[in-house]
N, C-alpha and C. Protein backbone atom coordinates (compact mmCIF):
# COMPACT_ATOMS: atom_id res chain seq x y z
N MET A 1 73.70 21.20 74.68
CA MET A 1 73.03 21.47 73.68
C MET A 1 71.36 21.87 74.02
N PRO A 2 70.59 22.52 73.61
CA PRO A 2 69.15 22.86 73.96
C PRO A 2 68.48 21.85 73.52
N LEU A 3 67.31 21.96 73.98
CA LEU A 3 65.96 21.07 73.62
C LEU A 3 65.86 21.37 71.93
N ILE A 4 65.46 20.39 71.47
CA ILE A 4 65.21 20.42 70.05
C ILE A 4 63.70 20.94 69.81
N GLU A 5 63.46 22.09 69.47
CA GLU A 5 62.10 22.64 69.28
C GLU A 5 61.62 22.22 67.63
N SER A 6 60.82 21.61 67.67
CA SER A 6 60.31 21.09 66.19
C SER A 6 58.51 20.65 66.34
N LYS A 7 58.08 20.50 64.96
CA LYS A 7 56.98 19.87 65.14
C LYS A 7 56.86 18.21 65.40
N PRO A 8 55.91 17.91 65.84
CA PRO A 8 55.84 16.49 65.80
C PRO A 8 56.04 15.36 64.40
N ASP A 9 57.08 14.46 64.52
CA ASP A 9 57.37 13.85 63.10
C ASP A 9 56.50 12.65 63.54
N ALA A 10 56.88 11.54 62.88
CA ALA A 10 56.48 10.07 63.06
C ALA A 10 56.97 9.53 64.23
N VAL A 11 58.50 9.87 64.60
CA VAL A 11 58.86 9.39 66.02
C VAL A 11 58.16 9.80 66.84
N ALA A 12 58.15 11.19 67.21
CA ALA A 12 57.55 11.64 68.30
C ALA A 12 56.04 11.27 68.21
N ASN A 13 55.21 11.05 67.31
CA ASN A 13 53.91 10.55 67.12
C ASN A 13 53.78 8.97 67.73
N THR A 14 54.81 8.53 67.51
CA THR A 14 55.11 7.11 68.14
C THR A 14 55.08 6.94 69.52
N TYR A 15 55.95 7.53 69.94
CA TYR A 15 56.25 7.47 71.12
C TYR A 15 54.80 8.30 72.38
N ALA A 16 54.76 9.49 71.56
CA ALA A 16 53.16 9.97 72.18
C ALA A 16 52.26 8.79 72.40
N ARG A 17 51.88 8.14 71.19
CA ARG A 17 50.92 7.32 70.97
C ARG A 17 50.96 5.99 72.09
N SER A 18 52.10 5.64 72.33
CA SER A 18 52.62 4.55 73.23
C SER A 18 51.80 5.01 74.52
N LEU A 19 52.73 6.10 74.94
CA LEU A 19 52.39 6.70 76.22
C LEU A 19 50.99 7.03 76.60
N PHE A 20 50.24 7.56 75.46
CA PHE A 20 48.75 7.66 75.44
C PHE A 20 47.90 6.42 75.94
N GLU A 21 48.39 5.26 75.04
CA GLU A 21 47.80 4.10 75.42
C GLU A 21 47.81 3.60 76.55
N LEU A 22 48.93 3.76 77.17
CA LEU A 22 49.30 3.05 78.47
C LEU A 22 48.95 3.70 79.37
N ALA A 23 48.51 5.18 79.22
CA ALA A 23 48.04 5.89 80.20
C ALA A 23 46.43 5.86 80.48
N GLU A 24 45.77 5.68 79.12
CA GLU A 24 44.32 5.54 78.86
C GLU A 24 44.33 3.71 79.47
N GLY A 25 44.97 2.79 79.19
CA GLY A 25 44.64 1.74 79.91
C GLY A 25 44.71 1.64 81.74
N GLU A 26 45.73 2.45 81.94
CA GLU A 26 45.88 2.45 83.52
C GLU A 26 44.59 3.34 83.99
N GLY A 27 44.17 4.31 83.49
CA GLY A 27 43.44 5.01 84.31
C GLY A 27 42.06 6.05 83.55
N GLY A 28 41.87 5.72 81.98
CA GLY A 28 41.07 6.28 81.41
C GLY A 28 41.44 7.82 80.98
N ARG A 29 40.71 8.53 80.56
CA ARG A 29 40.71 9.76 80.37
C ARG A 29 41.47 10.65 81.54
N GLU A 30 41.12 10.43 82.61
CA GLU A 30 41.76 11.18 83.90
C GLU A 30 43.28 10.88 83.86
N LYS A 31 43.92 9.98 83.46
CA LYS A 31 45.36 9.57 83.83
C LYS A 31 45.75 10.01 82.39
N THR A 32 45.16 10.10 81.56
CA THR A 32 45.86 10.52 80.08
C THR A 32 45.97 12.04 80.38
N GLU A 33 44.91 12.74 81.20
CA GLU A 33 45.10 14.21 81.02
C GLU A 33 46.18 14.64 82.33
N THR A 34 46.25 13.88 83.36
CA THR A 34 46.96 13.87 84.05
C THR A 34 48.52 13.88 83.92
N ILE A 35 49.00 12.64 82.89
CA ILE A 35 49.97 12.63 82.14
C ILE A 35 50.40 13.94 81.45
N LEU A 36 49.41 14.38 80.80
CA LEU A 36 49.63 15.58 79.81
C LEU A 36 50.03 16.97 80.72
N ASP A 37 49.30 17.07 81.67
CA ASP A 37 49.68 18.10 82.72
C ASP A 37 51.12 17.93 83.27
N GLN A 38 51.50 17.04 83.48
CA GLN A 38 52.74 16.44 83.80
C GLN A 38 53.75 16.89 82.89
N LEU A 39 53.59 16.14 82.03
CA LEU A 39 54.37 16.63 80.72
C LEU A 39 54.68 17.95 80.67
N GLU A 40 53.96 18.83 80.30
CA GLU A 40 53.87 20.19 80.28
C GLU A 40 54.57 20.92 81.47
N ASP A 41 54.50 20.54 82.63
CA ASP A 41 55.07 21.07 83.90
C ASP A 41 56.57 20.29 83.42
N VAL A 42 57.44 19.53 82.86
CA VAL A 42 58.41 19.00 82.77
C VAL A 42 58.96 19.94 81.77
N LEU A 43 58.20 20.02 80.57
CA LEU A 43 58.78 20.88 79.61
C LEU A 43 58.84 22.17 80.04
N GLU A 44 57.90 22.84 80.50
CA GLU A 44 58.23 24.27 81.14
C GLU A 44 59.43 24.33 81.92
N MET A 45 59.57 23.37 82.66
CA MET A 45 60.77 23.71 83.38
C MET A 45 62.07 23.45 83.00
N ALA A 46 61.97 22.86 81.57
CA ALA A 46 63.17 22.61 80.93
C ALA A 46 63.52 23.91 79.88
N ARG A 47 62.38 24.52 79.48
CA ARG A 47 62.59 25.67 78.76
C ARG A 47 62.91 26.98 79.66
N SER A 48 62.24 27.02 80.96
CA SER A 48 62.74 27.97 81.71
C SER A 48 63.85 28.01 82.75
N ASP A 49 64.33 26.70 82.63
CA ASP A 49 65.54 26.48 83.29
C ASP A 49 66.54 26.01 82.34
N GLY A 50 67.66 26.84 82.14
CA GLY A 50 68.48 26.19 81.06
C GLY A 50 69.38 25.18 81.36
N ARG A 51 69.64 25.42 82.70
CA ARG A 51 70.51 24.02 83.12
C ARG A 51 69.57 22.63 82.65
N PHE A 52 68.70 22.78 83.48
CA PHE A 52 67.75 21.52 83.33
C PHE A 52 67.66 21.05 81.92
N GLY A 53 67.02 22.28 80.98
CA GLY A 53 67.03 21.84 79.59
C GLY A 53 68.62 21.01 78.89
N GLU A 54 69.56 21.88 79.34
CA GLU A 54 70.89 21.49 78.91
C GLU A 54 71.15 19.56 79.69
N PHE A 55 70.44 19.63 80.70
CA PHE A 55 70.40 18.26 81.31
C PHE A 55 70.17 17.22 80.50
N LEU A 56 68.66 17.62 80.18
CA LEU A 56 67.80 16.71 79.58
C LEU A 56 68.56 16.41 78.01
N ALA A 57 68.94 17.51 77.34
CA ALA A 57 69.23 17.23 76.00
C ALA A 57 70.85 16.84 75.57
N SER A 58 71.60 17.23 76.73
CA SER A 58 73.14 16.87 76.62
C SER A 58 73.41 15.68 75.69
N ARG A 59 74.16 15.18 74.93
CA ARG A 59 74.65 14.14 74.53
C ARG A 59 76.21 13.64 75.09
N VAL A 60 76.59 14.40 76.11
CA VAL A 60 77.77 14.37 76.79
C VAL A 60 77.59 13.48 77.85
N LEU A 61 76.50 13.62 78.79
CA LEU A 61 76.09 13.03 80.14
C LEU A 61 75.58 11.61 79.69
N GLY A 62 76.12 10.51 80.40
CA GLY A 62 75.60 9.33 80.13
C GLY A 62 74.48 9.03 80.40
N VAL A 63 74.07 8.08 79.65
CA VAL A 63 72.69 7.29 80.08
C VAL A 63 72.23 6.84 81.58
N LYS A 64 73.43 6.28 81.94
CA LYS A 64 73.16 5.73 83.47
C LYS A 64 73.18 6.85 84.34
N ALA A 65 73.99 7.64 84.28
CA ALA A 65 74.29 8.85 85.06
C ALA A 65 72.84 9.69 85.03
N ARG A 66 72.24 9.80 83.90
CA ARG A 66 71.24 10.82 83.53
C ARG A 66 70.05 10.00 84.47
N GLY A 67 69.84 8.79 84.08
CA GLY A 67 68.61 8.05 84.73
C GLY A 67 68.72 8.03 86.01
N GLY A 68 69.78 7.68 86.47
CA GLY A 68 69.66 8.18 88.13
C GLY A 68 69.33 9.51 88.58
N ALA A 69 69.94 10.46 87.87
CA ALA A 69 69.44 11.82 88.14
C ALA A 69 67.79 11.89 88.11
N LEU A 70 67.04 11.38 86.81
CA LEU A 70 65.92 11.65 86.52
C LEU A 70 64.86 10.92 87.61
N ARG A 71 65.65 9.87 88.41
CA ARG A 71 64.93 9.04 89.28
C ARG A 71 65.05 9.94 90.61
N ARG A 72 66.03 10.48 90.76
CA ARG A 72 66.13 11.39 91.97
C ARG A 72 65.47 12.62 92.11
N ILE A 73 65.23 13.31 91.03
CA ILE A 73 64.24 14.75 90.41
C ILE A 73 62.78 14.29 90.50
N PHE A 74 62.36 12.95 89.97
CA PHE A 74 61.08 13.18 89.63
C PHE A 74 60.48 11.74 90.58
N GLU A 75 61.23 10.69 91.13
CA GLU A 75 60.58 9.46 91.86
C GLU A 75 59.68 10.41 93.12
N GLY A 76 58.36 10.11 92.88
CA GLY A 76 57.57 10.48 94.12
C GLY A 76 57.14 11.93 93.81
N ARG A 77 57.30 12.43 92.86
CA ARG A 77 56.99 13.65 92.53
C ARG A 77 56.00 13.89 91.05
N CYS A 78 56.09 12.90 90.27
CA CYS A 78 55.13 12.82 89.52
C CYS A 78 54.77 11.43 89.11
N ASP A 79 53.70 11.00 88.25
CA ASP A 79 53.23 9.83 87.91
C ASP A 79 54.26 8.73 87.85
N ASP A 80 54.21 7.51 88.43
CA ASP A 80 55.20 6.60 87.86
C ASP A 80 55.21 6.49 86.60
N LEU A 81 54.06 6.36 85.56
CA LEU A 81 54.10 5.99 84.38
C LEU A 81 55.11 6.96 83.55
N LEU A 82 54.77 8.36 84.04
CA LEU A 82 55.55 9.30 83.45
C LEU A 82 56.99 9.28 83.68
N LEU A 83 57.67 8.99 84.76
CA LEU A 83 58.86 8.72 85.19
C LEU A 83 59.65 7.51 84.14
N ARG A 84 58.68 6.51 84.08
CA ARG A 84 59.08 5.31 83.35
C ARG A 84 59.21 6.07 81.73
N PHE A 85 58.51 6.33 81.33
CA PHE A 85 58.51 7.15 79.74
C PHE A 85 59.83 7.81 79.82
N LEU A 86 60.20 8.87 80.64
CA LEU A 86 61.30 9.67 80.79
C LEU A 86 62.60 8.82 80.79
N LEU A 87 62.51 7.82 81.75
CA LEU A 87 63.72 6.69 81.54
C LEU A 87 63.81 6.06 80.04
N VAL A 88 62.63 5.72 79.55
CA VAL A 88 62.72 5.01 78.20
C VAL A 88 63.41 5.97 77.04
N LEU A 89 62.92 7.24 77.22
CA LEU A 89 63.29 8.46 76.23
C LEU A 89 64.91 8.54 76.64
N ASN A 90 65.18 8.42 77.78
CA ASN A 90 66.82 8.73 78.08
C ASN A 90 67.50 7.66 77.42
N VAL A 91 67.06 6.43 77.56
CA VAL A 91 67.72 5.17 77.02
C VAL A 91 67.78 5.17 75.39
N LYS A 92 66.80 5.62 74.84
CA LYS A 92 66.54 5.90 73.47
C LYS A 92 67.30 7.25 72.90
N GLY A 93 67.91 7.92 73.73
CA GLY A 93 68.43 9.43 73.17
C GLY A 93 67.45 10.26 72.64
N ARG A 94 66.11 9.86 73.29
CA ARG A 94 65.04 11.21 72.90
C ARG A 94 64.57 12.35 73.94
N LEU A 95 65.24 12.36 75.02
CA LEU A 95 64.88 13.50 75.70
C LEU A 95 64.86 14.89 74.91
N GLY A 96 66.00 15.21 74.37
CA GLY A 96 66.05 16.62 73.76
C GLY A 96 64.76 16.71 72.55
N HIS A 97 64.17 15.55 72.34
CA HIS A 97 62.88 15.80 71.48
C HIS A 97 61.78 15.94 71.95
N LEU A 98 62.08 16.41 73.14
CA LEU A 98 60.45 16.11 74.39
C LEU A 98 59.79 17.31 73.74
N PRO A 99 59.75 18.32 73.32
CA PRO A 99 58.74 19.44 72.97
C PRO A 99 57.75 18.67 71.96
N ALA A 100 58.70 18.05 70.89
CA ALA A 100 57.82 17.50 69.74
C ALA A 100 56.94 16.29 70.08
N ILE A 101 57.15 15.51 71.43
CA ILE A 101 56.73 14.29 71.82
C ILE A 101 55.34 15.09 72.63
N VAL A 102 55.63 16.08 73.50
CA VAL A 102 54.48 16.65 74.29
C VAL A 102 53.59 17.33 73.26
N ALA A 103 53.89 17.86 72.23
CA ALA A 103 52.72 18.28 71.24
C ALA A 103 52.15 17.46 70.76
N ALA A 104 52.47 16.24 70.38
CA ALA A 104 52.10 15.15 69.61
C ALA A 104 51.13 14.53 70.75
N TYR A 105 51.74 14.35 71.77
CA TYR A 105 50.65 13.79 72.89
C TYR A 105 49.26 14.64 73.20
N ASP A 106 49.37 16.18 73.26
CA ASP A 106 48.52 16.85 73.71
C ASP A 106 47.59 17.01 72.26
N ALA A 107 48.27 16.81 71.00
CA ALA A 107 47.19 16.62 69.94
C ALA A 107 46.14 15.01 69.91
N ILE A 108 47.01 14.00 70.47
CA ILE A 108 46.10 12.69 70.35
C ILE A 108 44.99 12.88 71.63
N VAL A 109 45.49 13.71 72.69
CA VAL A 109 44.40 13.80 73.92
C VAL A 109 42.85 14.75 73.32
N GLN A 110 43.63 15.70 72.75
CA GLN A 110 42.52 16.57 72.27
C GLN A 110 41.58 15.76 70.98
N GLU A 111 42.44 15.10 70.32
CA GLU A 111 41.32 14.28 69.09
C GLU A 111 40.53 13.47 69.74
N ARG A 112 41.36 12.84 71.05
CA ARG A 112 40.44 11.39 71.41
C ARG A 112 39.24 12.07 72.41
N PHE A 113 39.15 13.23 72.91
CA PHE A 113 38.39 13.69 73.95
C PHE A 113 37.55 14.85 73.43
N GLY A 114 37.99 15.30 72.18
CA GLY A 114 37.23 16.58 71.77
C GLY A 114 37.77 17.79 72.53
N ARG A 115 38.89 17.90 72.78
CA ARG A 115 39.38 18.82 73.96
C ARG A 115 40.17 19.92 73.05
N VAL A 116 40.42 21.06 73.43
CA VAL A 116 40.84 22.03 72.58
C VAL A 116 41.53 23.00 73.66
N GLU A 117 42.99 23.24 73.62
CA GLU A 117 43.51 24.21 74.76
C GLU A 117 43.67 25.70 73.74
N VAL A 118 43.36 26.49 74.58
CA VAL A 118 43.33 27.99 74.13
C VAL A 118 44.29 28.68 74.93
N ASP A 119 45.30 29.26 74.35
CA ASP A 119 45.98 30.56 75.01
C ASP A 119 45.28 32.02 74.95
N VAL A 120 44.93 32.73 76.30
CA VAL A 120 44.14 33.73 75.84
C VAL A 120 44.76 34.93 76.79
N PHE A 121 45.30 36.03 75.78
CA PHE A 121 46.25 36.92 76.23
C PHE A 121 45.31 38.31 76.31
N THR A 122 45.36 38.76 77.56
CA THR A 122 45.11 40.07 77.74
C THR A 122 45.93 41.05 78.58
N ALA A 123 45.47 42.24 78.33
CA ALA A 123 46.63 43.49 78.94
C ALA A 123 46.76 43.30 80.46
N ALA A 124 45.92 42.74 81.12
CA ALA A 124 45.80 42.75 82.64
C ALA A 124 45.19 41.39 83.07
N PRO A 125 45.45 40.77 84.36
CA PRO A 125 44.93 39.67 84.60
C PRO A 125 43.41 39.55 84.67
N VAL A 126 42.87 38.65 84.44
CA VAL A 126 41.15 38.24 84.49
C VAL A 126 40.93 37.54 85.72
N SER A 127 39.78 37.72 85.79
CA SER A 127 38.94 36.89 87.24
C SER A 127 38.96 35.38 86.74
N ALA A 128 38.63 34.93 87.62
CA ALA A 128 37.95 33.25 87.62
C ALA A 128 36.62 33.53 86.87
N ASP A 129 35.92 34.26 87.41
CA ASP A 129 34.58 34.29 86.59
C ASP A 129 34.58 34.61 84.95
N GLU A 130 35.53 35.54 84.75
CA GLU A 130 35.97 35.94 83.15
C GLU A 130 36.55 34.76 82.53
N ILE A 131 37.17 33.93 83.12
CA ILE A 131 38.02 32.89 82.42
C ILE A 131 36.66 31.71 81.98
N ALA A 132 35.88 31.34 83.09
CA ALA A 132 35.00 30.63 83.06
C ALA A 132 33.98 31.14 81.84
N SER A 133 33.82 32.39 81.71
CA SER A 133 32.80 32.73 80.49
C SER A 133 33.50 32.70 79.48
N VAL A 134 34.81 32.91 79.18
CA VAL A 134 35.50 32.69 77.89
C VAL A 134 35.38 31.16 77.61
N ARG A 135 35.64 30.56 78.53
CA ARG A 135 35.62 29.03 78.43
C ARG A 135 34.08 28.54 77.82
N GLU A 136 33.14 29.03 78.23
CA GLU A 136 31.73 28.78 77.72
C GLU A 136 31.55 29.14 76.37
N ARG A 137 31.83 30.35 76.31
CA ARG A 137 31.71 30.95 75.20
C ARG A 137 32.35 30.24 73.86
N LEU A 138 33.91 29.93 74.33
CA LEU A 138 34.42 29.01 73.31
C LEU A 138 34.24 27.99 73.04
N GLY A 139 33.34 27.30 74.24
CA GLY A 139 33.21 25.99 74.08
C GLY A 139 31.92 25.66 72.96
N ARG A 140 31.11 26.87 73.07
CA ARG A 140 29.82 26.45 72.13
C ARG A 140 30.44 27.07 70.88
N ALA A 141 31.42 27.81 70.47
CA ALA A 141 31.59 28.30 69.31
C ALA A 141 32.47 27.13 68.45
N LEU A 142 33.30 26.38 69.49
CA LEU A 142 34.16 25.60 68.68
C LEU A 142 33.42 24.00 69.03
N LYS A 143 32.32 23.95 69.77
CA LYS A 143 31.98 22.66 70.23
C LYS A 143 32.88 21.92 70.73
N LYS A 144 33.89 22.12 71.31
CA LYS A 144 34.53 21.21 72.01
C LYS A 144 35.11 21.41 73.59
N ASP A 145 35.35 20.72 74.36
CA ASP A 145 35.96 21.01 75.61
C ASP A 145 36.87 21.70 75.75
N VAL A 146 36.84 23.10 76.09
CA VAL A 146 37.79 24.06 76.07
C VAL A 146 38.90 23.97 77.52
N VAL A 147 39.86 24.16 77.25
CA VAL A 147 41.00 24.38 78.26
C VAL A 147 41.57 25.58 78.25
N VAL A 148 41.45 26.71 78.95
CA VAL A 148 41.82 28.00 78.73
C VAL A 148 43.01 28.24 79.65
N HIS A 149 44.12 28.79 79.10
CA HIS A 149 45.11 29.23 79.72
C HIS A 149 45.62 30.46 79.49
N PRO A 150 45.38 31.34 80.56
CA PRO A 150 45.21 32.83 80.52
C PRO A 150 46.93 33.22 80.74
N TYR A 151 47.08 34.44 79.76
CA TYR A 151 48.44 35.33 80.02
C TYR A 151 48.17 36.48 80.14
N VAL A 152 48.99 37.10 80.57
CA VAL A 152 49.07 38.78 80.57
C VAL A 152 50.21 38.99 79.56
N ASP A 153 49.85 40.29 78.82
CA ASP A 153 50.54 40.86 77.84
C ASP A 153 50.17 42.22 77.55
N GLU A 154 50.96 42.93 78.62
CA GLU A 154 50.47 44.34 78.63
C GLU A 154 50.52 45.13 77.12
N SER A 155 51.47 44.52 75.99
CA SER A 155 51.93 45.08 74.93
C SER A 155 50.26 45.44 74.08
N ILE A 156 49.39 44.50 74.60
CA ILE A 156 48.35 44.59 73.30
C ILE A 156 47.33 45.93 74.10
N ILE A 157 47.78 46.27 75.07
CA ILE A 157 46.84 47.79 75.46
C ILE A 157 45.67 47.29 75.99
N GLY A 158 44.75 46.46 75.23
CA GLY A 158 43.40 46.17 75.78
C GLY A 158 42.62 45.15 74.72
N GLY A 159 41.36 44.84 74.95
CA GLY A 159 41.13 43.51 74.38
C GLY A 159 41.51 42.27 74.16
N VAL A 160 41.59 41.20 73.56
CA VAL A 160 41.90 39.97 73.55
C VAL A 160 42.97 39.69 72.60
N ARG A 161 43.25 38.35 72.55
CA ARG A 161 44.13 37.62 71.70
C ARG A 161 44.17 36.38 72.17
N PHE A 162 43.34 35.47 70.91
CA PHE A 162 43.39 33.91 71.29
C PHE A 162 44.44 33.26 70.61
N ARG A 163 44.99 31.89 71.29
CA ARG A 163 45.75 31.37 70.08
C ARG A 163 45.21 29.73 70.29
N ILE A 164 44.94 29.18 69.29
CA ILE A 164 44.22 28.14 69.20
C ILE A 164 45.06 27.12 68.30
N GLY A 165 46.13 26.13 68.76
CA GLY A 165 46.76 25.57 68.17
C GLY A 165 48.06 26.49 67.27
N ASP A 166 47.95 26.46 66.19
CA ASP A 166 48.77 27.36 65.15
C ASP A 166 48.20 28.66 64.74
N GLN A 167 46.66 28.70 65.18
CA GLN A 167 45.89 29.54 64.78
C GLN A 167 45.98 30.96 65.55
N LEU A 168 46.07 32.06 65.27
CA LEU A 168 45.95 33.43 66.22
C LEU A 168 44.89 34.07 65.80
N VAL A 169 43.96 34.59 66.92
CA VAL A 169 42.78 35.42 66.59
C VAL A 169 43.02 36.69 67.32
N ASP A 170 43.30 37.58 66.62
CA ASP A 170 43.61 38.86 67.31
C ASP A 170 42.78 40.17 67.58
N ALA A 171 42.17 40.21 68.58
CA ALA A 171 41.18 41.48 68.74
C ALA A 171 41.68 42.45 69.59
N SER A 172 42.94 42.49 69.57
CA SER A 172 43.58 43.15 70.77
C SER A 172 43.48 44.76 70.36
N VAL A 173 43.60 45.57 71.09
CA VAL A 173 43.36 47.11 71.02
C VAL A 173 44.74 47.62 69.74
N ALA A 174 46.04 47.04 70.32
CA ALA A 174 47.13 47.39 69.43
C ALA A 174 47.06 46.91 68.33
N THR A 175 46.29 45.96 68.01
CA THR A 175 46.34 45.41 66.37
C THR A 175 45.23 46.36 66.17
N GLN A 176 44.23 46.80 66.32
CA GLN A 176 43.56 47.63 66.10
C GLN A 176 43.71 48.74 65.52
N LEU A 177 44.59 49.54 66.58
CA LEU A 177 45.26 50.50 65.94
C LEU A 177 46.34 50.69 65.00
N ARG A 178 47.24 49.64 65.02
CA ARG A 178 48.29 49.41 64.19
C ARG A 178 47.33 49.25 62.68
N ARG A 179 46.42 48.58 62.52
CA ARG A 179 45.55 48.60 61.14
C ARG A 179 44.85 49.94 60.67
N MET A 180 44.52 50.57 61.53
CA MET A 180 43.93 51.99 61.62
C MET A 180 45.24 52.73 61.09
N ARG A 181 46.48 52.75 61.70
CA ARG A 181 47.61 53.64 61.09
C ARG A 181 48.01 53.20 59.63
N GLU A 182 47.77 51.65 59.26
CA GLU A 182 47.97 51.26 58.03
C GLU A 182 47.18 51.79 56.99
N GLN A 183 45.84 51.69 57.42
CA GLN A 183 44.58 52.23 56.34
C GLN A 183 44.84 53.88 56.10
N LEU A 184 45.60 54.43 57.43
CA LEU A 184 45.35 55.87 57.07
C LEU A 184 46.53 56.00 55.83
N ALA A 185 47.92 55.42 56.45
CA ALA A 185 48.97 55.73 55.60
C ALA A 185 48.72 55.27 54.06
N SER A 186 47.96 54.15 53.98
CA SER A 186 47.62 53.74 52.39
C SER A 186 46.84 54.69 51.76
N ARG A 187 45.84 55.07 52.53
CA ARG A 187 44.74 56.14 52.21
C ARG A 187 45.66 57.61 51.75
N GLY A 188 46.64 58.11 52.73
CA GLY A 188 47.68 59.24 52.58
C GLY A 188 47.74 58.83 51.12
N ALA A 189 48.69 57.68 50.85
CA ALA A 189 49.53 57.74 49.87
C ALA A 189 48.61 57.80 48.49
N ALA A 190 47.23 57.36 48.75
CA ALA A 190 46.61 57.24 47.53
C ALA A 190 46.11 58.43 47.28
N ALA A 191 45.76 59.63 48.30
CA ALA A 191 45.54 60.59 47.99
C ALA A 191 46.76 61.56 47.52
N VAL A 192 47.81 61.40 47.61
CA VAL A 192 49.17 61.83 47.18
C VAL A 192 49.35 61.65 45.81
N ARG A 193 49.27 60.41 45.85
CA ARG A 193 48.91 59.73 43.76
C ARG A 193 47.73 60.53 43.36
N GLY A 194 46.73 60.60 44.01
CA GLY A 194 45.69 61.21 42.87
C GLY A 194 45.83 62.80 42.61
N ASN A 195 46.40 63.38 43.78
CA ASN A 195 46.77 64.84 43.61
C ASN A 195 47.95 64.92 42.56
N ALA A 196 48.99 64.04 42.51
CA ALA A 196 49.95 64.28 41.43
C ALA A 196 49.55 63.73 40.21
N ALA A 197 48.45 62.84 40.08
CA ALA A 197 47.85 62.76 38.62
C ALA A 197 46.87 63.85 38.19
N ARG A 198 46.15 64.56 39.03
CA ARG A 198 45.78 65.87 38.73
C ARG A 198 46.44 66.99 38.44
N ILE A 199 47.46 67.30 39.05
CA ILE A 199 48.66 68.02 38.74
C ILE A 199 49.17 67.84 37.53
N ILE A 200 49.47 66.55 37.08
CA ILE A 200 50.23 66.40 35.68
C ILE A 200 49.19 66.63 34.92
N GLU A 201 47.92 66.03 35.40
CA GLU A 201 47.13 66.17 34.03
C GLU A 201 46.58 67.67 33.72
N ASN A 202 46.87 68.33 34.55
CA ASN A 202 46.05 69.75 34.35
C ASN A 202 47.53 70.70 33.69
N ASP A 203 48.77 70.42 34.15
CA ASP A 203 49.97 70.85 33.46
C ASP A 203 50.01 70.44 31.94
N GLY A 204 49.45 69.16 31.56
CA GLY A 204 49.49 68.56 30.22
C GLY A 204 48.63 69.35 29.41
N GLY A 205 47.45 69.79 30.02
CA GLY A 205 46.52 70.48 29.28
C GLY A 205 46.66 72.25 29.15
N ALA A 206 47.68 72.82 29.84
CA ALA A 206 48.06 73.88 29.76
C ALA A 206 48.71 74.39 28.51
């Protein structure tokens, strides 16, 4: 079975809060953000590699066998706290809920440190200086510490699209063109209706 993609619930928030408190106790903000980065790496690997995603979410694979495999995969390659956390999720049968747990942990980090992550979509790759400029402007507007994740989406033609949590701010050329087409179509239909009304009125008066 695939990973369960769902919004954070009470259980996900409980696991995320426990992990955050442990990370903050061990190394403050730096440790909590390191854990977040590594959690997102694990989640991205599970989403992009179907076999690894199945490995995490499978109910057929035994807890002991999966725990041993997790140690072989991650020991020495990620923070020991994260490995211990993954092993706990394995024992509790919660690895398949990793997306919700990661989302909950990310929300806690953002709330605690005034940080917000913004996905920035452009039609072509942008330079480090441009990313820094976007980060600075967004930081001033949002009054938060902004972390920018740049993505390339050629379908937007030009301009830029921002995703901040569940909010999408779209200033892309493709969207502007679509809105123009919709406005033209709407005005065209209105013109046809107006002409029809005038014709009917004139015929009625004949």
